[in-house]
C-alpha atoms as a PDB file:
ATOM      1  CA  MET A   1      -9.706  -1.309 -14.079  1.00  0.00           C
ATOM      2  CA  GLU A   2     -10.966  -0.929 -10.730  1.00  0.00           C
ATOM      3  CA  ASN A   3     -13.994  -3.224 -11.211  1.00  0.00           C
ATOM      4  CA  SER A   4     -11.537  -5.849 -13.109  1.00  0.00           C
ATOM      5  CA  GLN A   5     -12.032  -9.469 -12.489  1.00  0.00           C
ATOM      6  CA  ASP A   6      -8.569  -9.566 -13.903  1.00  0.00           C
ATOM      7  CA  PHE A   7      -5.356  -9.552 -12.557  1.00  0.00           C
ATOM      8  CA  ILE A   8      -4.227  -6.127 -13.876  1.00  0.00           C
ATOM      9  CA  THR A   9      -0.641  -4.664 -12.475  1.00  0.00           C
ATOM     10  CA  LEU A  10       1.225  -2.124 -14.121  1.00  0.00           C
ATOM     11  CA  LEU A  11       5.113  -1.612 -13.437  1.00  0.00           C
ATOM     12  CA  ASP A  12       7.473   0.986 -14.042  1.00  0.00           C
ATOM     13  CA  ARG A  13      10.610   0.925 -16.216  1.00  0.00           C
ATOM     14  CA  ALA A  14      12.434  -0.501 -13.400  1.00  0.00           C
ATOM     15  CA  GLY A  15      10.232  -3.026 -12.442  1.00  0.00           C
ATOM     16  CA  VAL A  16       8.718  -0.954  -9.580  1.00  0.00           C
ATOM     17  CA  ILE A  17       4.814  -2.117  -9.487  1.00  0.00           C
ATOM     18  CA  VAL A  18       2.972   1.302  -9.617  1.00  0.00           C
ATOM     19  CA  TYR A  19      -0.543  -0.234  -9.766  1.00  0.00           C
ATOM     20  CA  THR A  20      -2.314  -3.343  -9.243  1.00  0.00           C
ATOM     21  CA  GLY A  21      -6.137  -3.615  -9.195  1.00  0.00           C
ATOM     22  CA  PRO A  22      -8.214  -4.932  -6.427  1.00  0.00           C
ATOM     23  CA  SER A  23      -8.118  -9.017  -7.576  1.00  0.00           C
ATOM     24  CA  THR A  24      -4.602  -9.063  -6.087  1.00  0.00           C
ATOM     25  CA  PRO A  25      -5.210 -10.632  -2.865  1.00  0.00           C
ATOM     26  CA  ARG A  26      -7.689 -13.227  -4.496  1.00  0.00           C
ATOM     27  CA  VAL A  27      -5.353 -14.055  -7.132  1.00  0.00           C
ATOM     28  CA  LEU A  28      -1.643 -13.851  -5.263  1.00  0.00           C
ATOM     29  CA  GLY A  29      -2.645 -14.156  -1.854  1.00  0.00           C
ATOM     30  CA  TYR A  30      -0.659 -10.339  -1.129  1.00  0.00           C
ATOM     31  CA  SER A  31      -2.808  -7.200  -0.108  1.00  0.00           C
ATOM     32  CA  GLU A  32      -2.785  -4.469  -2.474  1.00  0.00           C
ATOM     33  CA  GLU A  33      -0.647  -2.417   0.326  1.00  0.00           C
ATOM     34  CA  GLU A  34       1.689  -5.554   0.197  1.00  0.00           C
ATOM     35  CA  TYR A  35       2.086  -5.479  -3.152  1.00  0.00           C
ATOM     36  CA  THR A  36       2.220  -1.918  -4.695  1.00  0.00           C
ATOM     37  CA  GLY A  37       5.850   0.020  -4.665  1.00  0.00           C
ATOM     38  CA  ARG A  38       8.220  -3.310  -4.372  1.00  0.00           C
ATOM     39  CA  SER A  39       9.918  -4.258  -7.331  1.00  0.00           C
ATOM     40  CA  ILE A  40       7.861  -7.393  -9.492  1.00  0.00           C
ATOM     41  CA  PHE A  41      11.303  -9.275  -8.708  1.00  0.00           C
ATOM     42  CA  ASP A  42      10.630  -9.395  -4.981  1.00  0.00           C
ATOM     43  CA  PHE A  43       7.504 -11.298  -5.873  1.00  0.00           C
ATOM     44  CA  MET A  44       8.542 -13.965  -8.916  1.00  0.00           C
ATOM     45  CA  HIS A  45       9.818 -17.508  -7.950  1.00  0.00           C
ATOM     46  CA  PRO A  46      13.729 -17.533  -7.832  1.00  0.00           C
ATOM     47  CA  ASP A  47      14.020 -19.806 -10.658  1.00  0.00           C
ATOM     48  CA  HIS A  48      12.687 -17.227 -13.175  1.00  0.00           C
ATOM     49  CA  LEU A  49      14.238 -14.151 -11.836  1.00  0.00           C
ATOM     50  CA  ASP A  50      16.974 -13.383 -14.550  1.00  0.00           C
ATOM     51  CA  ALA A  51      15.150 -14.837 -17.494  1.00  0.00           C
ATOM     52  CA  SER A  52      12.293 -12.243 -16.811  1.00  0.00           C
ATOM     53  CA  ARG A  53      14.617  -9.539 -15.831  1.00  0.00           C
ATOM     54  CA  LYS A  54      16.303  -9.873 -19.495  1.00  0.00           C
ATOM     55  CA  ILE A  55      12.524  -9.903 -20.679  1.00  0.00           C
ATOM     56  CA  LEU A  56      11.351  -6.906 -18.916  1.00  0.00           C
ATOM     57  CA  ALA A  57      14.757  -5.005 -20.002  1.00  0.00           C
ATOM     58  CA  GLN A  58      13.519  -6.127 -23.496  1.00  0.00           C
ATOM     59  CA  LEU A  59      10.204  -4.534 -22.855  1.00  0.00           C
ATOM     60  CA  VAL A  60      11.097  -1.422 -21.788  1.00  0.00           C
ATOM     61  CA  GLU A  61      13.857  -1.419 -25.132  1.00  0.00           C
ATOM     62  CA  ASN A  62      11.233  -2.010 -27.410  1.00  0.00           C
ATOM     63  CA  PRO A  63       7.468  -2.656 -26.097  1.00  0.00           C
ATOM     64  CA  LYS A  64       5.582  -5.286 -27.712  1.00  0.00           C
ATOM     65  CA  THR A  65       2.156  -3.696 -27.195  1.00  0.00           C
ATOM     66  CA  VAL A  66      -1.463  -5.570 -26.899  1.00  0.00           C
ATOM     67  CA  GLY A  67      -3.914  -2.385 -26.327  1.00  0.00           C
ATOM     68  CA  GLY A  68      -1.689   0.025 -25.847  1.00  0.00           C
ATOM     69  CA  GLY A  69       0.412  -2.033 -22.863  1.00  0.00           C
ATOM     70  CA  SER A  70       3.275  -4.485 -22.781  1.00  0.00           C
ATOM     71  CA  VAL A  71       2.036  -7.585 -22.102  1.00  0.00           C
ATOM     72  CA  PHE A  72       4.638  -9.579 -19.491  1.00  0.00           C
ATOM     73  CA  THR A  73       4.017 -13.009 -18.307  1.00  0.00           C
ATOM     74  CA  TYR A  74       5.899 -14.379 -15.138  1.00  0.00           C
ATOM     75  CA  THR A  75       5.577 -16.633 -12.478  1.00  0.00           C
ATOM     76  CA  THR A  76       5.410 -15.543  -8.502  1.00  0.00           C
ATOM     77  CA  ALA A  77       6.310 -17.333  -5.051  1.00  0.00           C
ATOM     78  CA  SER A  78       2.568 -17.198  -3.021  1.00  0.00           C
ATOM     79  CA  PRO A  79       3.046 -16.492   0.653  1.00  0.00           C
ATOM     80  CA  GLY A  80       2.712 -19.896   1.210  1.00  0.00           C
ATOM     81  CA  GLY A  81       5.551 -20.620  -0.943  1.00  0.00           C
ATOM     82  CA  GLY A  82       4.109 -22.496  -3.669  1.00  0.00           C
ATOM     83  CA  SER A  83       4.699 -20.922  -7.423  1.00  0.00           C
ATOM     84  CA  SER A  84       2.093 -19.706 -10.299  1.00  0.00           C
ATOM     85  CA  LEU A  85       1.807 -18.538 -13.709  1.00  0.00           C
ATOM     86  CA  ARG A  86       0.787 -15.045 -13.297  1.00  0.00           C
ATOM     87  CA  GLY A  87       0.573 -11.939 -15.885  1.00  0.00           C
END
């Protein structure tokens, strides 16, 4: 994962970011240090928080796996105030 060009983030069951790949600054505009250890919900667009919390709770309860991991797509609020689809 360290050499991946893809944006990869691993969350714990509470939605805390436990790992993010080196592409995070390029993709999101946050450093790995700013991103790791915080709740994924801190970075989501406010309009999508409720739905995203429900989806994560459903994935924790009954994971939909792809290649051994869960897929969760969300919208982030970027440091500049914009938003973009991520996952």
